[in-house]
Protein backbone atom coordinates (compact mmCIF):
# COMPACT_ATOMS: atom_id res chain seq x y z
CA MET A 1 129.07 111.54 96.80
CA SER A 2 129.12 109.56 93.57
CA VAL A 3 126.01 107.70 92.43
CA THR A 4 126.49 104.30 90.83
CA LEU A 5 123.60 102.22 89.53
CA LEU A 6 124.08 98.47 89.55
CA ILE A 7 121.79 95.95 87.87
CA PRO A 8 122.32 92.50 89.39
CA ALA A 9 121.53 89.82 86.82
CA ARG A 10 121.94 86.07 86.94
CA TYR A 11 121.18 83.53 84.25
CA GLY A 12 119.80 80.78 86.44
CA SER A 13 116.23 81.11 87.69
CA GLN A 14 113.85 78.47 88.99
CA ARG A 15 110.91 80.13 87.29
CA PHE A 16 112.51 81.57 84.16
CA ALA A 17 116.01 80.44 83.18
CA GLY A 18 117.92 82.96 81.07
CA LYS A 19 115.43 85.70 81.91
CA PRO A 20 117.84 88.66 81.48
CA LEU A 21 118.37 87.62 77.85
CA ALA A 22 114.71 87.07 77.01
CA LEU A 23 113.78 89.18 74.00
CA ILE A 24 111.27 91.97 74.44
CA ALA A 25 110.40 93.81 71.25
CA GLY A 26 113.58 92.47 69.67
CA LYS A 27 116.00 93.44 72.46
CA PRO A 28 117.16 91.43 75.49
CA MET A 29 115.43 92.46 78.68
CA ILE A 30 118.70 93.49 80.32
CA GLN A 31 119.23 96.02 77.52
CA HIS A 32 115.84 97.61 78.16
CA VAL A 33 116.69 97.97 81.87
CA TYR A 34 120.18 99.32 81.13
CA GLU A 35 118.89 101.92 78.69
CA LYS A 36 116.20 103.11 81.11
CA ALA A 37 118.78 103.40 83.88
CA SER A 38 121.18 105.30 81.63
CA ALA A 39 118.44 107.84 80.84
CA ALA A 40 118.03 108.82 84.51
CA LYS A 41 119.54 112.11 85.63
CA GLY A 42 121.98 112.23 88.51
CA ILE A 43 123.59 108.84 87.86
CA ASP A 44 127.36 108.83 87.40
CA ALA A 45 127.74 105.26 86.12
CA VAL A 46 125.63 102.22 85.24
CA TYR A 47 126.87 98.62 85.37
CA VAL A 48 125.32 95.18 85.08
CA ALA A 49 126.62 92.95 87.87
CA THR A 50 126.62 89.32 86.74
CA ASP A 51 128.49 86.05 87.14
CA ASP A 52 127.50 84.67 83.74
CA GLU A 53 129.43 85.28 80.53
CA ARG A 54 126.29 84.94 78.41
CA ILE A 55 124.90 88.01 80.13
CA SER A 56 128.18 89.94 80.06
CA ASP A 57 128.56 89.16 76.33
CA ALA A 58 125.04 90.48 75.70
CA VAL A 59 125.78 93.68 77.65
CA ASP A 60 129.03 94.15 75.77
CA SER A 61 127.23 93.67 72.44
CA PHE A 62 124.99 96.71 73.02
CA GLY A 63 127.82 98.85 74.39
CA GLY A 64 126.96 98.57 78.08
CA LYS A 65 129.30 98.22 81.05
CA PHE A 66 129.42 95.16 83.28
CA ILE A 67 131.23 93.76 86.30
CA MET A 68 131.83 90.06 86.78
CA THR A 69 130.88 89.09 90.32
CA SER A 70 131.43 85.94 92.32
CA PRO A 71 129.19 82.96 91.48
CA ASP A 72 129.05 82.31 95.23
CA ALA A 73 126.99 85.44 95.94
CA GLU A 74 123.99 84.27 97.97
CA SER A 75 121.82 87.32 97.34
CA GLY A 76 121.46 90.36 95.14
CA THR A 77 122.97 92.53 97.88
CA ASP A 78 126.02 90.25 98.11
CA ARG A 79 126.47 90.75 94.37
CA ILE A 80 126.10 94.51 94.86
CA GLU A 81 128.76 94.55 97.59
CA ASP A 82 131.14 92.52 95.42
CA ALA A 83 130.71 94.98 92.54
CA ALA A 84 131.07 98.02 94.82
CA ASN A 85 134.31 96.66 96.24
CA GLN A 86 135.69 96.04 92.75
CA LEU A 87 134.83 99.63 91.79
CA GLY A 88 136.66 100.97 94.85
CA LEU A 89 133.68 103.06 95.96
CA LYS A 90 133.93 105.17 99.12
CA GLU A 91 131.83 104.57 102.24
CA ASP A 92 129.54 107.56 101.60
CA ASP A 93 129.04 106.87 97.89
CA LEU A 94 125.50 106.02 96.88
CA LEU A 95 124.53 102.74 95.23
CA ILE A 96 121.29 102.17 93.36
CA ASN A 97 120.24 98.54 93.10
CA LEU A 98 117.82 98.11 90.21
CA GLN A 99 116.48 94.64 89.53
CA GLY A 100 117.24 93.34 86.05
CA ASP A 101 113.68 92.23 85.39
CA GLN A 102 112.09 95.70 85.25
CA PRO A 103 112.22 96.67 81.56
CA LEU A 104 109.47 99.28 82.02
CA ILE A 105 111.17 101.22 84.84
CA ASN A 106 110.64 104.95 84.38
CA PRO A 107 113.89 106.96 84.64
CA GLU A 108 112.06 109.45 86.87
CA THR A 109 111.53 106.66 89.39
CA ILE A 110 115.30 106.26 89.62
CA GLU A 111 115.74 110.00 89.99
CA GLN A 112 113.14 110.03 92.78
CA ILE A 113 115.04 107.55 94.93
CA VAL A 114 118.33 109.40 94.42
CA ASN A 115 116.69 112.66 95.47
CA LEU A 116 115.70 111.14 98.82
CA PHE A 117 119.37 111.35 99.74
CA ASN A 118 119.67 114.96 98.59
CA ARG A 119 117.35 116.26 101.32
CA GLU A 120 118.50 117.99 104.47
CA ASN A 121 118.98 116.10 107.75
CA VAL A 122 119.01 112.64 106.18
CA ASP A 123 119.20 110.09 109.01
CA PHE A 124 118.93 106.87 106.97
CA GLU A 125 121.27 105.00 104.68
CA MET A 126 118.78 102.82 102.81
CA ALA A 127 115.71 103.76 100.80
CA THR A 128 113.20 102.12 98.49
CA LEU A 129 109.98 102.92 96.64
CA GLY A 130 106.39 101.72 96.46
CA TYR A 131 103.39 102.12 94.19
CA GLU A 132 99.71 102.16 95.07
CA ILE A 133 98.09 98.98 93.82
CA THR A 134 95.37 99.62 91.25
CA GLU A 135 94.83 96.06 90.01
CA GLU A 136 92.69 94.00 92.38
CA SER A 137 94.42 90.81 91.24
CA GLU A 138 97.68 92.03 92.80
CA LEU A 139 96.28 92.51 96.30
CA ASP A 140 96.55 88.87 97.36
CA ASP A 141 99.19 87.73 94.88
CA PRO A 142 102.38 86.84 96.82
CA LYS A 143 104.43 87.78 93.77
CA HIS A 144 103.58 91.42 94.51
CA VAL A 145 105.22 92.34 97.81
CA LYS A 146 103.22 94.75 99.96
CA MET A 147 104.69 97.43 102.23
CA VAL A 148 103.55 99.60 105.12
CA PHE A 149 105.30 102.68 106.49
CA ASP A 150 104.98 105.19 109.30
CA ASN A 151 103.91 108.84 109.17
CA GLU A 152 107.43 109.96 108.24
CA GLY A 153 107.84 107.37 105.50
CA TYR A 154 110.01 104.85 107.32
CA ALA A 155 109.22 101.24 106.47
CA LEU A 156 107.40 99.24 109.11
CA TYR A 157 107.14 95.92 107.30
CA PHE A 158 107.15 94.16 103.93
CA SER A 159 105.08 91.05 103.24
CA ARG A 160 103.84 88.79 100.49
CA ALA A 161 100.48 88.91 102.25
CA ARG A 162 98.09 91.84 102.02
CA ILE A 163 99.08 94.44 104.60
CA PRO A 164 97.49 96.23 106.28
CA PHE A 165 94.44 93.97 106.63
CA GLY A 166 91.21 95.93 106.90
CA ARG A 167 89.05 94.11 109.40
CA ASP A 168 85.91 96.09 108.65
CA THR A 169 86.59 97.53 105.20
CA ASP A 170 88.53 96.97 102.00
CA GLU A 171 88.30 100.62 100.95
CA TYR A 172 91.85 101.75 101.67
CA PRO A 173 95.11 102.05 99.71
CA VAL A 174 97.54 99.15 99.59
CA PHE A 175 101.08 99.74 98.36
CA LYS A 176 103.35 97.28 96.63
CA HIS A 177 107.11 97.38 96.81
CA LEU A 178 109.06 98.26 93.68
CA GLY A 179 112.32 96.43 93.05
CA ILE A 180 114.70 99.33 93.49
CA TYR A 181 116.93 100.24 96.44
CA ALA A 182 119.37 103.00 97.25
CA TYR A 183 121.99 102.78 99.98
CA THR A 184 125.44 103.95 100.90
CA LYS A 185 128.43 101.70 100.32
CA ARG A 186 128.87 101.61 104.11
CA PHE A 187 125.32 100.32 104.59
CA VAL A 188 125.75 97.62 101.93
CA SER A 189 128.85 96.30 103.70
CA LEU A 190 127.02 96.28 107.04
CA PHE A 191 123.96 94.59 105.55
CA ALA A 192 126.01 91.87 103.87
CA SER A 193 127.74 91.09 107.19
CA LEU A 194 124.45 90.40 108.99
CA PRO A 195 123.04 86.86 109.19
CA VAL A 196 119.86 85.96 107.34
CA GLY A 197 116.96 86.97 109.57
CA ARG A 198 114.05 84.83 110.77
CA LEU A 199 111.42 86.98 109.05
CA GLU A 200 113.60 87.33 105.97
CA ASN A 201 113.80 83.55 105.73
CA LEU A 202 110.05 83.11 106.24
CA GLU A 203 108.95 85.68 103.65
CA LYS A 204 111.99 85.28 101.39
CA LEU A 205 112.36 89.07 101.40
CA GLU A 206 115.89 90.33 101.80
CA GLN A 207 114.92 93.83 102.96
CA LEU A 208 113.45 92.40 106.16
CA ARG A 209 117.00 91.73 107.34
CA ALA A 210 117.46 95.47 107.77
CA LEU A 211 114.26 95.90 109.77
CA GLU A 212 115.00 92.88 111.95
CA ASN A 213 118.28 94.50 112.92
CA GLY A 214 116.75 97.90 113.73
CA LEU A 215 118.03 99.63 110.60
CA LYS A 216 115.92 102.36 109.00
CA ILE A 217 114.53 102.14 105.47
CA MET A 218 113.08 105.34 104.06
CA THR A 219 110.27 104.88 101.55
CA ALA A 220 108.49 107.06 99.03
CA ILE A 221 105.60 106.42 96.66
CA SER A 222 106.32 106.54 92.96
CA PRO A 223 103.68 107.74 90.49
CA PHE A 224 104.97 105.10 88.05
CA ASP A 225 104.49 101.35 88.25
CA SER A 226 107.44 99.13 87.39
CA PRO A 227 106.15 95.59 86.83
CA GLU A 228 108.63 92.75 87.10
CA VAL A 229 108.93 90.06 84.44
CA ASP A 230 108.60 86.52 85.80
CA THR A 231 106.86 84.65 82.96
CA GLN A 232 106.53 84.60 79.20
CA GLU A 233 103.10 86.14 79.67
CA ASP A 234 104.74 89.11 81.41
CA ILE A 235 106.92 89.62 78.34
CA GLN A 236 103.85 89.83 76.13
CA LEU A 237 102.36 92.44 78.46
CA CYS A 238 105.59 94.47 78.32
CA GLU A 239 105.60 94.37 74.55
CA LYS A 240 102.04 95.60 74.51
CA VAL A 241 102.94 98.52 76.79
CA LEU A 242 106.01 99.41 74.71
CA LYS A 243 103.98 99.28 71.51
CA ASN A 244 101.39 101.68 72.92
CA SER A 245 103.88 104.09 74.51
């Protein structure tokens, strides 16, 4: 089983156009993500999957690898499938989908999700990670997607709302979803063939398509947060973290 990490990146964004190329401490954000991914153990190859030459030129300038994907890709997973097909990956090969707006991703987080597939008796083909929320401001912020899971770690639901909702108490852990997935090439092809789900459309959360179709998603909790960059203010926070690290 080969392990390929793909970083889907598009230039257009309603909230932050050109986000992958935004400079953070003098380097484009996509370079920070690529370098973090390349530092993770157990990864055979890292590629940026994009349909924009401005992004591919930037990746090429720092010596990274990229794959040009179709501009018609409707979702990040469609872009992942396109790239996987171009690479000629086998059905059992593992794909890591790391969002291109996570410049502070810890390489150990990537290793953790790969290791989920190295356990015995694996009966799932998709996995993702969460992190226990420590900032109260994130609890009811729809930007931070919340997740709940069963006693064995399988995802029950993802929502932009606070879940679970404590009727009689607010003293309980709430976990947010981190923007990283792992799945087999076979699963990606199946997922991309499924229609957009009702819940997926309501929440605008692609992973709900899997749950709506009865597909398992294994989860694990990372000890490392991986904040996403959506605004210029987020860039300033990232620079502060990098300066103090």
